[in-house]
């Protein structure tokens, strides 16, 4: 997922939360997994704040800005997810 940073703070978190909610509540899936570059500290923090756990590392699997970086696998099980109530 990529959110344009010019849109301000909170949109990425809200969008990711709603995607996870959709996955578990509407699609009834047991788990969600994603990959993130080890250089992307903001996305790592977001995933961890949602309850995702680091499940593995693909060493030097991504080329970014002239060098190789590790790709990190994160996963979240439905049983470990904490739903958020929204006021729409």
PDB file of N, CA and C in Angstrom:
ATOM      1  N   UNK A   1       0.849  -1.166   0.000  1.00  0.00           N
ATOM      2  CA  UNK A   1       0.000   0.000   0.000  1.00  0.00           C
ATOM      3  C   UNK A   1       0.898   1.233   0.000  1.00  0.00           C
ATOM      4  N   UNK A   2       0.560   2.208  -0.784  1.00  0.00           N
ATOM      5  CA  UNK A   2       1.327   3.441  -0.836  1.00  0.00           C
ATOM      6  C   UNK A   2       0.348   4.615  -0.775  1.00  0.00           C
ATOM      7  N   UNK A   3       0.525   5.453   0.221  1.00  0.00           N
ATOM      8  CA  UNK A   3      -0.317   6.641   0.387  1.00  0.00           C
ATOM      9  C   UNK A   3       0.551   7.862   0.156  1.00  0.00           C
ATOM     10  N   UNK A   4       0.098   8.786  -0.660  1.00  0.00           N
ATOM     11  CA  UNK A   4       0.834  10.012  -0.952  1.00  0.00           C
ATOM     12  C   UNK A   4       1.043  10.809   0.337  1.00  0.00           C
ATOM     13  N   UNK A   5       2.302  11.074   0.729  1.00  0.00           N
ATOM     14  CA  UNK A   5       2.573  11.780   1.981  1.00  0.00           C
ATOM     15  C   UNK A   5       2.040  13.203   2.027  1.00  0.00           C
ATOM     16  N   UNK A   6       1.692  13.789   0.882  1.00  0.00           N
ATOM     17  CA  UNK A   6       1.167  15.153   0.888  1.00  0.00           C
ATOM     18  C   UNK A   6      -0.246  15.216   1.473  1.00  0.00           C
ATOM     19  N   UNK A   7      -0.877  14.054   1.663  1.00  0.00           N
ATOM     20  CA  UNK A   7      -2.229  14.043   2.210  1.00  0.00           C
ATOM     21  C   UNK A   7      -2.257  14.144   3.732  1.00  0.00           C
ATOM     22  N   UNK A   8      -1.106  14.184   4.388  1.00  0.00           N
ATOM     23  CA  UNK A   8      -1.079  14.388   5.827  1.00  0.00           C
ATOM     24  C   UNK A   8      -0.989  13.103   6.611  1.00  0.00           C
ATOM     25  N   UNK A   9      -1.077  13.265   7.907  1.00  0.00           N
ATOM     26  CA  UNK A   9      -0.921  12.140   8.826  1.00  0.00           C
ATOM     27  C   UNK A   9      -2.250  11.447   9.079  1.00  0.00           C
ATOM     28  N   UNK A  10      -2.191  10.133   9.254  1.00  0.00           N
ATOM     29  CA  UNK A  10      -3.370   9.384   9.654  1.00  0.00           C
ATOM     30  C   UNK A  10      -4.095   8.652   8.550  1.00  0.00           C
ATOM     31  N   UNK A  11      -3.950   9.070   7.307  1.00  0.00           N
ATOM     32  CA  UNK A  11      -4.685   8.416   6.228  1.00  0.00           C
ATOM     33  C   UNK A  11      -4.181   6.998   5.967  1.00  0.00           C
ATOM     34  N   UNK A  12      -2.882   6.813   6.012  1.00  0.00           N
ATOM     35  CA  UNK A  12      -2.318   5.485   5.803  1.00  0.00           C
ATOM     36  C   UNK A  12      -2.746   4.523   6.886  1.00  0.00           C
ATOM     37  N   UNK A  13      -2.724   4.993   8.118  1.00  0.00           N
ATOM     38  CA  UNK A  13      -3.145   4.164   9.248  1.00  0.00           C
ATOM     39  C   UNK A  13      -4.617   3.801   9.137  1.00  0.00           C
ATOM     40  N   UNK A  14      -5.446   4.775   8.807  1.00  0.00           N
ATOM     41  CA  UNK A  14      -6.878   4.531   8.659  1.00  0.00           C
ATOM     42  C   UNK A  14      -7.144   3.561   7.514  1.00  0.00           C
ATOM     43  N   UNK A  15      -6.480   3.756   6.391  1.00  0.00           N
ATOM     44  CA  UNK A  15      -6.685   2.880   5.238  1.00  0.00           C
ATOM     45  C   UNK A  15      -6.245   1.454   5.541  1.00  0.00           C
ATOM     46  N   UNK A  16      -5.094   1.295   6.174  1.00  0.00           N
ATOM     47  CA  UNK A  16      -4.598  -0.045   6.507  1.00  0.00           C
ATOM     48  C   UNK A  16      -5.522  -0.730   7.506  1.00  0.00           C
ATOM     49  N   UNK A  17      -5.997   0.014   8.488  1.00  0.00           N
ATOM     50  CA  UNK A  17      -6.916  -0.546   9.485  1.00  0.00           C
ATOM     51  C   UNK A  17      -8.197  -1.027   8.822  1.00  0.00           C
ATOM     52  N   UNK A  18      -8.728  -0.229   7.922  1.00  0.00           N
ATOM     53  CA  UNK A  18      -9.971  -0.616   7.243  1.00  0.00           C
ATOM     54  C   UNK A  18      -9.763  -1.806   6.309  1.00  0.00           C
ATOM     55  N   UNK A  19      -8.591  -1.915   5.696  1.00  0.00           N
ATOM     56  CA  UNK A  19      -8.300  -3.068   4.847  1.00  0.00           C
ATOM     57  C   UNK A  19      -8.242  -4.350   5.677  1.00  0.00           C
ATOM     58  N   UNK A  20      -7.608  -4.270   6.837  1.00  0.00           N
ATOM     59  CA  UNK A  20      -7.534  -5.438   7.712  1.00  0.00           C
ATOM     60  C   UNK A  20      -8.937  -5.798   8.206  1.00  0.00           C
ATOM     61  N   UNK A  21      -9.701  -4.810   8.583  1.00  0.00           N
ATOM     62  CA  UNK A  21     -11.075  -5.038   9.036  1.00  0.00           C
ATOM     63  C   UNK A  21     -11.892  -5.716   7.934  1.00  0.00           C
ATOM     64  N   UNK A  22     -11.782  -5.233   6.723  1.00  0.00           N
ATOM     65  CA  UNK A  22     -12.483  -5.832   5.587  1.00  0.00           C
ATOM     66  C   UNK A  22     -12.057  -7.289   5.400  1.00  0.00           C
ATOM     67  N   UNK A  23     -10.767  -7.537   5.479  1.00  0.00           N
ATOM     68  CA  UNK A  23     -10.237  -8.885   5.282  1.00  0.00           C
ATOM     69  C   UNK A  23     -10.819  -9.867   6.295  1.00  0.00           C
ATOM     70  N   UNK A  24     -10.872  -9.461   7.546  1.00  0.00           N
ATOM     71  CA  UNK A  24     -11.337 -10.371   8.587  1.00  0.00           C
ATOM     72  C   UNK A  24     -12.857 -10.421   8.710  1.00  0.00           C
ATOM     73  N   UNK A  25     -13.512  -9.277   8.621  1.00  0.00           N
ATOM     74  CA  UNK A  25     -14.963  -9.243   8.846  1.00  0.00           C
ATOM     75  C   UNK A  25     -15.774  -9.575   7.587  1.00  0.00           C
ATOM     76  N   UNK A  26     -15.407  -9.010   6.457  1.00  0.00           N
ATOM     77  CA  UNK A  26     -16.190  -9.207   5.236  1.00  0.00           C
ATOM     78  C   UNK A  26     -15.743 -10.427   4.425  1.00  0.00           C
ATOM     79  N   UNK A  27     -14.454 -10.653   4.349  1.00  0.00           N
ATOM     80  CA  UNK A  27     -13.930 -11.772   3.563  1.00  0.00           C
ATOM     81  C   UNK A  27     -13.746 -13.040   4.409  1.00  0.00           C
ATOM     82  N   UNK A  28     -13.794 -12.878   5.730  1.00  0.00           N
ATOM     83  CA  UNK A  28     -13.694 -13.998   6.668  1.00  0.00           C
ATOM     84  C   UNK A  28     -12.405 -14.808   6.498  1.00  0.00           C
ATOM     85  N   UNK A  29     -11.299 -14.112   6.218  1.00  0.00           N
ATOM     86  CA  UNK A  29     -10.011 -14.792   6.094  1.00  0.00           C
ATOM     87  C   UNK A  29      -9.375 -14.957   7.470  1.00  0.00           C
ATOM     88  N   UNK A  30      -8.479 -15.920   7.590  1.00  0.00           N
ATOM     89  CA  UNK A  30      -7.829 -16.215   8.872  1.00  0.00           C
ATOM     90  C   UNK A  30      -6.584 -15.384   9.113  1.00  0.00           C
ATOM     91  N   UNK A  31      -5.935 -14.920   8.023  1.00  0.00           N
ATOM     92  CA  UNK A  31      -4.680 -14.192   8.190  1.00  0.00           C
ATOM     93  C   UNK A  31      -4.467 -13.186   7.067  1.00  0.00           C
ATOM     94  N   UNK A  32      -3.645 -12.210   7.361  1.00  0.00           N
ATOM     95  CA  UNK A  32      -3.201 -11.218   6.381  1.00  0.00           C
ATOM     96  C   UNK A  32      -1.684 -11.222   6.437  1.00  0.00           C
ATOM     97  N   UNK A  33      -1.036 -11.151   5.282  1.00  0.00           N
ATOM     98  CA  UNK A  33       0.418 -11.049   5.273  1.00  0.00           C
ATOM     99  C   UNK A  33       0.837  -9.993   4.264  1.00  0.00           C
ATOM    100  N   UNK A  34       2.005  -9.430   4.497  1.00  0.00           N
ATOM    101  CA  UNK A  34       2.518  -8.386   3.627  1.00  0.00           C
ATOM    102  C   UNK A  34       4.038  -8.354   3.701  1.00  0.00           C
ATOM    103  N   UNK A  35       4.632  -7.734   2.711  1.00  0.00           N
ATOM    104  CA  UNK A  35       6.076  -7.514   2.701  1.00  0.00           C
ATOM    105  C   UNK A  35       6.339  -6.020   2.778  1.00  0.00           C
ATOM    106  N   UNK A  36       7.432  -5.675   3.439  1.00  0.00           N
ATOM    107  CA  UNK A  36       7.837  -4.276   3.534  1.00  0.00           C
ATOM    108  C   UNK A  36       9.356  -4.219   3.494  1.00  0.00           C
ATOM    109  N   UNK A  37       9.890  -3.174   2.853  1.00  0.00           N
ATOM    110  CA  UNK A  37      11.337  -2.991   2.814  1.00  0.00           C
ATOM    111  C   UNK A  37      11.881  -2.637   4.187  1.00  0.00           C
ATOM    112  N   UNK A  38      13.031  -3.174   4.521  1.00  0.00           N
ATOM    113  CA  UNK A  38      13.636  -2.911   5.830  1.00  0.00           C
ATOM    114  C   UNK A  38      13.955  -1.426   6.025  1.00  0.00           C
ATOM    115  N   UNK A  39      14.051  -0.679   4.958  1.00  0.00           N
ATOM    116  CA  UNK A  39      14.339   0.756   5.006  1.00  0.00           C
ATOM    117  C   UNK A  39      13.090   1.592   5.306  1.00  0.00           C
ATOM    118  N   UNK A  40      11.912   0.973   5.257  1.00  0.00           N
ATOM    119  CA  UNK A  40      10.650   1.706   5.391  1.00  0.00           C
ATOM    120  C   UNK A  40      10.148   1.657   6.837  1.00  0.00           C
ATOM    121  N   UNK A  41      10.797   2.435   7.693  1.00  0.00           N
ATOM    122  CA  UNK A  41      10.500   2.419   9.131  1.00  0.00           C
ATOM    123  C   UNK A  41       9.067   2.841   9.435  1.00  0.00           C
ATOM    124  N   UNK A  42       8.530   3.779   8.675  1.00  0.00           N
ATOM    125  CA  UNK A  42       7.157   4.230   8.899  1.00  0.00           C
ATOM    126  C   UNK A  42       6.149   3.111   8.698  1.00  0.00           C
ATOM    127  N   UNK A  43       6.315   2.363   7.614  1.00  0.00           N
ATOM    128  CA  UNK A  43       5.391   1.260   7.339  1.00  0.00           C
ATOM    129  C   UNK A  43       5.562   0.122   8.334  1.00  0.00           C
ATOM    130  N   UNK A  44       6.796  -0.129   8.752  1.00  0.00           N
ATOM    131  CA  UNK A  44       7.035  -1.157   9.763  1.00  0.00           C
ATOM    132  C   UNK A  44       6.324  -0.782  11.059  1.00  0.00           C
ATOM    133  N   UNK A  45       6.450   0.466  11.460  1.00  0.00           N
ATOM    134  CA  UNK A  45       5.775   0.936  12.670  1.00  0.00           C
ATOM    135  C   UNK A  45       4.265   0.823  12.564  1.00  0.00           C
ATOM    136  N   UNK A  46       3.730   1.152  11.393  1.00  0.00           N
ATOM    137  CA  UNK A  46       2.285   1.048  11.180  1.00  0.00           C
ATOM    138  C   UNK A  46       1.829  -0.395  11.303  1.00  0.00           C
ATOM    139  N   UNK A  47       2.529  -1.301  10.641  1.00  0.00           N
ATOM    140  CA  UNK A  47       2.155  -2.712  10.706  1.00  0.00           C
ATOM    141  C   UNK A  47       2.190  -3.227  12.143  1.00  0.00           C
ATOM    142  N   UNK A  48       3.243  -2.895  12.854  1.00  0.00           N
ATOM    143  CA  UNK A  48       3.358  -3.363  14.227  1.00  0.00           C
ATOM    144  C   UNK A  48       2.290  -2.751  15.126  1.00  0.00           C
ATOM    145  N   UNK A  49       1.903  -1.505  14.854  1.00  0.00           N
ATOM    146  CA  UNK A  49       0.843  -0.871  15.652  1.00  0.00           C
ATOM    147  C   UNK A  49      -0.513  -1.540  15.425  1.00  0.00           C
ATOM    148  N   UNK A  50      -0.673  -2.185  14.268  1.00  0.00           N
ATOM    149  CA  UNK A  50      -1.910  -2.903  13.965  1.00  0.00           C
ATOM    150  C   UNK A  50      -1.895  -4.339  14.479  1.00  0.00           C
ATOM    151  N   UNK A  51      -0.762  -4.760  15.035  1.00  0.00           N
ATOM    152  CA  UNK A  51      -0.659  -6.100  15.582  1.00  0.00           C
ATOM    153  C   UNK A  51       0.074  -7.096  14.706  1.00  0.00           C
ATOM    154  N   UNK A  52       0.572  -6.655  13.545  1.00  0.00           N
ATOM    155  CA  UNK A  52       1.326  -7.549  12.678  1.00  0.00           C
ATOM    156  C   UNK A  52       2.622  -7.963  13.376  1.00  0.00           C
ATOM    157  N   UNK A  53       3.029  -9.199  13.124  1.00  0.00           N
ATOM    158  CA  UNK A  53       4.278  -9.709  13.682  1.00  0.00           C
ATOM    159  C   UNK A  53       5.255 -10.034  12.556  1.00  0.00           C
ATOM    160  N   UNK A  54       6.536  -9.776  12.823  1.00  0.00           N
ATOM    161  CA  UNK A  54       7.581 -10.092  11.859  1.00  0.00           C
ATOM    162  C   UNK A  54       7.698 -11.606  11.775  1.00  0.00           C
ATOM    163  N   UNK A  55       7.531 -12.159  10.579  1.00  0.00           N
ATOM    164  CA  UNK A  55       7.534 -13.609  10.393  1.00  0.00           C
ATOM    165  C   UNK A  55       8.748 -14.113   9.623  1.00  0.00           C
ATOM    166  N   UNK A  56       9.478 -13.215   8.993  1.00  0.00           N
ATOM    167  CA  UNK A  56      10.653 -13.669   8.255  1.00  0.00           C
ATOM    168  C   UNK A  56      11.308 -12.542   7.491  1.00  0.00           C
ATOM    169  N   UNK A  57      12.493 -12.829   6.993  1.00  0.00           N
ATOM    170  CA  UNK A  57      13.286 -11.843   6.260  1.00  0.00           C
ATOM    171  C   UNK A  57      13.808 -12.463   4.975  1.00  0.00           C
ATOM    172  N   UNK A  58      13.596 -11.772   3.878  1.00  0.00           N
ATOM    173  CA  UNK A  58      14.191 -12.142   2.598  1.00  0.00           C
ATOM    174  C   UNK A  58      15.408 -11.234   2.419  1.00  0.00           C
ATOM    175  N   UNK A  59      16.574 -11.777   2.622  1.00  0.00           N
ATOM    176  CA  UNK A  59      17.790 -10.970   2.620  1.00  0.00           C
ATOM    177  C   UNK A  59      18.113 -10.430   1.234  1.00  0.00           C
ATOM    178  N   UNK A  60      18.401  -9.139   1.185  1.00  0.00           N
ATOM    179  CA  UNK A  60      18.796  -8.437  -0.047  1.00  0.00           C
ATOM    180  C   UNK A  60      17.872  -8.763  -1.217  1.00  0.00           C
ATOM    181  N   UNK A  61      16.585  -8.714  -0.975  1.00  0.00           N
ATOM    182  CA  UNK A  61      15.595  -9.105  -1.986  1.00  0.00           C
ATOM    183  C   UNK A  61      15.036  -7.934  -2.787  1.00  0.00           C
ATOM    184  N   UNK A  62      15.380  -6.708  -2.410  1.00  0.00           N
ATOM    185  CA  UNK A  62      14.825  -5.546  -3.113  1.00  0.00           C
ATOM    186  C   UNK A  62      15.940  -4.545  -3.439  1.00  0.00           C
ATOM    187  N   UNK A  63      15.868  -4.015  -4.641  1.00  0.00           N
ATOM    188  CA  UNK A  63      16.795  -2.968  -5.078  1.00  0.00           C
ATOM    189  C   UNK A  63      16.086  -1.641  -4.901  1.00  0.00           C
ATOM    190  N   UNK A  64      16.652  -0.737  -4.111  1.00  0.00           N
ATOM    191  CA  UNK A  64      16.021   0.554  -3.849  1.00  0.00           C
ATOM    192  C   UNK A  64      17.096   1.614  -3.703  1.00  0.00           C
ATOM    193  N   UNK A  65      16.983   2.651  -4.519  1.00  0.00           N
ATOM    194  CA  UNK A  65      17.907   3.789  -4.478  1.00  0.00           C
ATOM    195  C   UNK A  65      19.373   3.368  -4.508  1.00  0.00           C
ATOM    196  N   UNK A  66      19.670   2.463  -5.428  1.00  0.00           N
ATOM    197  CA  UNK A  66      21.058   2.113  -5.681  1.00  0.00           C
ATOM    198  C   UNK A  66      21.666   1.039  -4.809  1.00  0.00           C
ATOM    199  N   UNK A  67      20.878   0.385  -3.979  1.00  0.00           N
ATOM    200  CA  UNK A  67      21.432  -0.703  -3.175  1.00  0.00           C
ATOM    201  C   UNK A  67      20.365  -1.731  -2.826  1.00  0.00           C
ATOM    202  N   UNK A  68      20.841  -2.909  -2.455  1.00  0.00           N
ATOM    203  CA  UNK A  68      19.928  -3.978  -2.068  1.00  0.00           C
ATOM    204  C   UNK A  68      19.522  -3.820  -0.607  1.00  0.00           C
ATOM    205  N   UNK A  69      18.268  -4.194  -0.341  1.00  0.00           N
ATOM    206  CA  UNK A  69      17.720  -4.140   1.020  1.00  0.00           C
ATOM    207  C   UNK A  69      16.976  -5.433   1.307  1.00  0.00           C
ATOM    208  N   UNK A  70      16.871  -5.745   2.582  1.00  0.00           N
ATOM    209  CA  UNK A  70      16.076  -6.890   2.998  1.00  0.00           C
ATOM    210  C   UNK A  70      14.593  -6.559   2.856  1.00  0.00           C
ATOM    211  N   UNK A  71      13.821  -7.579   2.561  1.00  0.00           N
ATOM    212  CA  UNK A  71      12.363  -7.460   2.588  1.00  0.00           C
ATOM    213  C   UNK A  71      11.872  -8.251   3.794  1.00  0.00           C
ATOM    214  N   UNK A  72      10.994  -7.636   4.562  1.00  0.00           N
ATOM    215  CA  UNK A  72      10.489  -8.253   5.783  1.00  0.00           C
ATOM    216  C   UNK A  72       9.067  -8.733   5.566  1.00  0.00           C
ATOM    217  N   UNK A  73       8.788  -9.959   5.954  1.00  0.00           N
ATOM    218  CA  UNK A  73       7.441 -10.522   5.905  1.00  0.00           C
ATOM    219  C   UNK A  73       6.770 -10.260   7.241  1.00  0.00           C
ATOM    220  N   UNK A  74       5.555  -9.728   7.190  1.00  0.00           N
ATOM    221  CA  UNK A  74       4.754  -9.515   8.391  1.00  0.00           C
ATOM    222  C   UNK A  74       3.426 -10.229   8.214  1.00  0.00           C
ATOM    223  N   UNK A  75       2.875 -10.726   9.309  1.00  0.00           N
ATOM    224  CA  UNK A  75       1.590 -11.404   9.255  1.00  0.00           C
ATOM    225  C   UNK A  75       0.746 -11.070  10.468  1.00  0.00           C
ATOM    226  N   UNK A  76      -0.563 -11.196  10.286  1.00  0.00           N
ATOM    227  CA  UNK A  76      -1.521 -10.953  11.367  1.00  0.00           C
ATOM    228  C   UNK A  76      -2.607 -12.010  11.278  1.00  0.00           C
ATOM    229  N   UNK A  77      -2.825 -12.713  12.377  1.00  0.00           N
ATOM    230  CA  UNK A  77      -3.903 -13.685  12.459  1.00  0.00           C
ATOM    231  C   UNK A  77      -5.158 -13.003  12.985  1.00  0.00           C
ATOM    232  N   UNK A  78      -6.303 -13.441  12.493  1.00  0.00           N
ATOM    233  CA  UNK A  78      -7.571 -12.855  12.926  1.00  0.00           C
ATOM    234  C   UNK A  78      -7.699 -12.907  14.445  1.00  0.00           C
ATOM    235  N   UNK A  79      -7.269 -14.000  15.054  1.00  0.00           N
ATOM    236  CA  UNK A  79      -7.406 -14.155  16.504  1.00  0.00           C
ATOM    237  C   UNK A  79      -6.567 -13.154  17.289  1.00  0.00           C
ATOM    238  N   UNK A  80      -5.559 -12.535  16.654  1.00  0.00           N
ATOM    239  CA  UNK A  80      -4.709 -11.551  17.322  1.00  0.00           C
ATOM    240  C   UNK A  80      -5.068 -10.109  16.975  1.00  0.00           C
ATOM    241  N   UNK A  81      -6.074  -9.931  16.143  1.00  0.00           N
ATOM    242  CA  UNK A  81      -6.468  -8.601  15.691  1.00  0.00           C
ATOM    243  C   UNK A  81      -7.426  -7.971  16.696  1.00  0.00           C
ATOM    244  N   UNK A  82      -7.216  -6.704  16.953  1.00  0.00           N
ATOM    245  CA  UNK A  82      -8.083  -5.948  17.846  1.00  0.00           C
ATOM    246  C   UNK A  82      -8.937  -4.997  17.011  1.00  0.00           C
ATOM    247  N   UNK A  83     -10.214  -5.331  16.787  1.00  0.00           N
ATOM    248  CA  UNK A  83     -11.063  -4.458  15.957  1.00  0.00           C
ATOM    249  C   UNK A  83     -11.214  -3.060  16.550  1.00  0.00           C
ATOM    250  N   UNK A  84     -11.402  -2.103  15.678  1.00  0.00           N
ATOM    251  CA  UNK A  84     -11.613  -0.708  16.079  1.00  0.00           C
ATOM    252  C   UNK A  84     -13.020  -0.318  15.686  1.00  0.00           C
ATOM    253  N   UNK A  85     -13.702   0.326  16.579  1.00  0.00           N
ATOM    254  CA  UNK A  85     -15.064   0.823  16.291  1.00  0.00           C
ATOM    255  C   UNK A  85     -14.938   2.190  15.624  1.00  0.00           C
ATOM    256  N   UNK A  86     -15.645   2.361  14.505  1.00  0.00           N
ATOM    257  CA  UNK A  86     -15.626   3.625  13.765  1.00  0.00           C
ATOM    258  C   UNK A  86     -16.949   4.361  13.924  1.00  0.00           C
ATOM    259  N   UNK A  87     -16.845   5.681  13.924  1.00  0.00           N
ATOM    260  CA  UNK A  87     -18.037   6.533  13.892  1.00  0.00           C
ATOM    261  C   UNK A  87     -18.104   7.138  12.502  1.00  0.00           C
ATOM    262  N   UNK A  88     -18.850   6.511  11.597  1.00  0.00           N
ATOM    263  CA  UNK A  88     -18.920   7.014  10.210  1.00  0.00           C
ATOM    264  C   UNK A  88     -19.900   8.134  10.054  1.00  0.00           C
TER     265      UNK A  88
END
